[in-house]
Amino acid sequence: MDEDKDNPDRAKDAHGVGRRRTRPHRTPIQRALGLLVRREHSRRELIDKLATRGLERDEAEAAVDRLAEQGWQDDGRFAEQLVRSRAGTGYGPIRIRAELAMHGLDGEAVEAAMATFDGDWYELARALVERRHGGGEALRDLATRRKAADMLARRGFAGDQIRAATRFDPDEMI
C-alpha cells in the first residue's frame, strides 16, 4: 500500500482505495506527435494510424498537415531514412521501392529518395553474398550460386546485380 502513495498515477478515493487516474484528453496533434517521436512516418501511414485510434479522418489529415507545415512530418525525410535503413540491412532497390510505395509515397518521391542513396547496389549485393555464402571459392559450386541468387532476388536486387554478385571469376582467386 505504501508504494501507491509514491505512484503519481494512483489516486485515493474517500475510502482510501487506490484508483488509476485516467489520461487527460490528448489533441489530434499531440497524438500524431506521440507517434512521430518514436520514429518517422509517411503522411498516409500517420493518418491511417490516427484513424484506427479513433480520430475522424479529416481531423487526422488536419493534424498531419499542421505538423508537416511545422516540419515535424516530412515524406521526403521519411523516405530517405527508410532507404538508408533498408539498404543497410541488405535489401535491394526493387524491394525498397515497393516498400516506399506501400507507405503511400508517389513515384517522384520514391525516385528522389532512391537518388539520395550514395552506396553501390552491386557492391552491396556482392558483400551480402560474401557474408552469407563465403564468396570467392564457394561460388564455384553451382548450387551455392543458385542459393545466393535466390537470396538476392528475395531481398529485392535486380537481375544484373544478382549476376554480378554471384559470378565466379577464377582470376580473382590469384
Protein backbone atom coordinates (compact mmCIF):
# COMPACT_ATOMS: atom_id res chain seq x y z
CA MET A 1 0.00 0.00 0.00
CA ASP A 2 2.92 2.37 0.68
CA GLU A 3 4.03 2.07 -2.92
CA ASP A 4 0.67 3.54 -4.05
CA LYS A 5 1.33 6.87 -2.33
CA ASP A 6 4.58 7.24 -4.29
CA ASN A 7 2.89 6.44 -7.59
CA PRO A 8 1.55 9.62 -9.27
CA ASP A 9 -0.79 7.54 -11.45
CA ARG A 10 -2.70 6.39 -8.38
CA ALA A 11 -5.27 8.47 -6.54
CA LYS A 12 -7.11 7.60 -3.34
CA ASP A 13 -10.83 7.98 -3.06
CA ALA A 14 -12.67 8.91 0.17
CA HIS A 15 -12.36 5.34 1.41
CA GLY A 16 -8.60 5.14 0.85
CA VAL A 17 -8.97 2.81 -2.12
CA GLY A 18 -6.47 3.44 -4.89
CA ARG A 19 -7.84 4.10 -8.35
CA ARG A 20 -5.95 4.63 -11.53
CA ARG A 21 -6.22 8.13 -12.91
CA THR A 22 -7.50 8.49 -16.42
CA ARG A 23 -5.24 10.01 -19.02
CA PRO A 24 -6.04 13.59 -19.91
CA HIS A 25 -7.63 14.03 -23.32
CA ARG A 26 -4.95 14.42 -25.99
CA THR A 27 -5.50 16.54 -29.08
CA PRO A 28 -5.04 15.03 -32.56
CA ILE A 29 -1.75 16.93 -32.91
CA GLN A 30 -0.49 15.52 -29.61
CA ARG A 31 -1.45 12.02 -30.69
CA ALA A 32 0.35 12.43 -34.02
CA LEU A 33 3.42 13.86 -32.31
CA GLY A 34 3.40 10.91 -29.94
CA LEU A 35 3.75 8.61 -32.93
CA LEU A 36 6.38 10.76 -34.64
CA VAL A 37 8.71 10.92 -31.65
CA ARG A 38 9.07 7.15 -31.80
CA ARG A 39 10.02 7.03 -35.50
CA GLU A 40 9.40 8.77 -38.82
CA HIS A 41 6.07 8.05 -40.53
CA SER A 42 4.80 8.79 -44.01
CA ARG A 43 1.80 11.09 -44.30
CA ARG A 44 -0.56 8.27 -45.27
CA GLU A 45 0.74 5.93 -42.59
CA LEU A 46 0.31 8.57 -39.88
CA ILE A 47 -3.24 9.43 -40.98
CA ASP A 48 -4.16 5.74 -41.08
CA LYS A 49 -2.77 5.13 -37.59
CA LEU A 50 -4.64 8.12 -36.17
CA ALA A 51 -7.87 7.00 -37.85
CA THR A 52 -7.56 3.49 -36.40
CA ARG A 53 -7.12 5.04 -32.96
CA GLY A 54 -10.48 6.75 -33.05
CA LEU A 55 -9.93 10.06 -34.82
CA GLU A 56 -12.07 11.16 -37.73
CA ARG A 57 -10.14 11.03 -40.98
CA ASP A 58 -10.47 14.79 -41.61
CA GLU A 59 -9.21 15.55 -38.08
CA ALA A 60 -6.23 13.28 -38.65
CA GLU A 61 -5.47 14.91 -42.01
CA ALA A 62 -5.66 18.40 -40.50
CA ALA A 63 -3.32 17.41 -37.66
CA VAL A 64 -0.79 15.85 -40.05
CA ASP A 65 -0.99 18.90 -42.36
CA ARG A 66 -0.22 21.17 -39.43
CA LEU A 67 2.72 19.02 -38.33
CA ALA A 68 4.04 18.95 -41.90
CA GLU A 69 3.88 22.76 -42.06
CA GLN A 70 5.93 22.93 -38.87
CA GLY A 71 8.47 20.39 -40.14
CA TRP A 72 7.58 17.54 -37.79
CA GLN A 73 6.34 15.26 -40.56
CA ASP A 74 8.13 15.10 -43.90
CA ASP A 75 7.61 12.37 -46.50
CA GLY A 76 10.99 13.10 -48.08
CA ARG A 77 12.82 12.68 -44.79
CA PHE A 78 10.84 9.50 -44.05
CA ALA A 79 11.72 8.05 -47.46
CA GLU A 80 15.43 8.87 -47.18
CA GLN A 81 15.58 7.29 -43.73
CA LEU A 82 13.80 4.16 -44.94
CA VAL A 83 16.18 3.81 -47.93
CA ARG A 84 19.24 4.12 -45.67
CA SER A 85 17.81 1.70 -43.13
CA ARG A 86 16.77 -1.00 -45.61
CA ALA A 87 19.93 -0.76 -47.70
CA GLY A 88 21.96 -1.00 -44.51
CA THR A 89 20.23 -4.26 -43.61
CA GLY A 90 20.87 -5.79 -47.04
CA TYR A 91 17.75 -5.06 -49.06
CA GLY A 92 17.89 -4.18 -52.74
CA PRO A 93 16.38 -1.34 -54.74
CA ILE A 94 13.34 -3.26 -56.02
CA ARG A 95 12.23 -4.23 -52.52
CA ILE A 96 12.87 -0.73 -51.15
CA ARG A 97 10.88 0.93 -53.96
CA ALA A 98 7.97 -1.42 -53.30
CA GLU A 99 8.06 -0.68 -49.57
CA LEU A 100 8.10 3.07 -50.19
CA ALA A 101 5.07 2.71 -52.47
CA MET A 102 3.29 0.67 -49.77
CA HIS A 103 3.78 3.61 -47.40
CA GLY A 104 1.84 5.82 -49.80
CA LEU A 105 4.66 7.73 -51.47
CA ASP A 106 4.27 8.70 -55.12
CA GLY A 107 6.73 7.68 -57.83
CA GLU A 108 8.51 11.03 -57.84
CA ALA A 109 9.15 10.93 -54.07
CA VAL A 110 10.34 7.32 -54.34
CA GLU A 111 12.84 8.16 -57.07
CA ALA A 112 14.07 11.23 -55.19
CA ALA A 113 14.69 9.11 -52.09
CA MET A 114 16.43 6.38 -54.09
CA ALA A 115 18.69 9.01 -55.66
CA THR A 116 19.90 10.04 -52.19
CA PHE A 117 21.42 6.57 -51.64
CA ASP A 118 25.13 7.06 -52.13
CA GLY A 119 26.08 3.38 -51.99
CA ASP A 120 26.66 0.94 -54.82
CA TRP A 121 23.91 -1.67 -55.23
CA TYR A 122 26.33 -4.04 -56.97
CA GLU A 123 28.83 -3.82 -54.11
CA LEU A 124 26.05 -4.22 -51.55
CA ALA A 125 24.85 -7.41 -53.28
CA ARG A 126 28.39 -8.79 -53.53
CA ALA A 127 29.10 -8.07 -49.84
CA LEU A 128 25.84 -9.79 -48.85
CA VAL A 129 26.78 -12.90 -50.86
CA GLU A 130 30.23 -12.99 -49.30
CA ARG A 131 28.81 -12.59 -45.80
CA ARG A 132 26.14 -15.28 -46.24
CA HIS A 133 27.82 -17.77 -48.58
CA GLY A 134 31.52 -17.09 -48.32
CA GLY A 135 32.01 -15.70 -51.82
CA GLY A 136 35.17 -16.48 -53.78
CA GLU A 137 35.86 -20.21 -53.95
CA ALA A 138 32.41 -21.10 -52.55
CA LEU A 139 30.79 -19.60 -55.67
CA ARG A 140 32.49 -22.25 -57.81
CA ASP A 141 29.65 -24.57 -56.75
CA LEU A 142 26.54 -24.10 -58.91
CA ALA A 143 24.16 -24.94 -56.04
CA THR A 144 25.76 -22.25 -53.85
CA ARG A 145 25.49 -19.69 -56.66
CA ARG A 146 21.80 -20.56 -57.09
CA LYS A 147 21.14 -20.20 -53.36
CA ALA A 148 22.92 -16.86 -53.34
CA ALA A 149 20.98 -15.68 -56.40
CA ASP A 150 17.67 -16.74 -54.86
CA MET A 151 18.52 -14.91 -51.64
CA LEU A 152 19.36 -11.71 -53.54
CA ALA A 153 16.16 -11.96 -55.59
CA ARG A 154 14.08 -12.33 -52.41
CA ARG A 155 15.84 -9.30 -50.95
CA GLY A 156 14.93 -7.17 -53.98
CA PHE A 157 18.06 -6.94 -56.11
CA ALA A 158 17.83 -6.60 -59.90
CA GLY A 159 18.92 -9.37 -62.27
CA ASP A 160 22.12 -7.65 -63.41
CA GLN A 161 23.10 -7.01 -59.78
CA ILE A 162 22.46 -10.67 -58.95
CA ARG A 163 24.51 -11.90 -61.91
CA ALA A 164 27.41 -9.63 -61.00
CA ALA A 165 27.35 -10.65 -57.33
CA THR A 166 27.18 -14.39 -57.98
CA ARG A 167 29.59 -14.55 -60.91
CA PHE A 168 32.55 -16.85 -60.25
CA ASP A 169 35.79 -15.45 -61.63
CA PRO A 170 38.80 -17.77 -61.20
CA ASP A 171 41.13 -14.83 -61.92
CA GLU A 172 40.02 -13.22 -58.65
CA MET A 173 41.40 -16.22 -56.76
CA ILE A 174 45.02 -15.39 -57.71
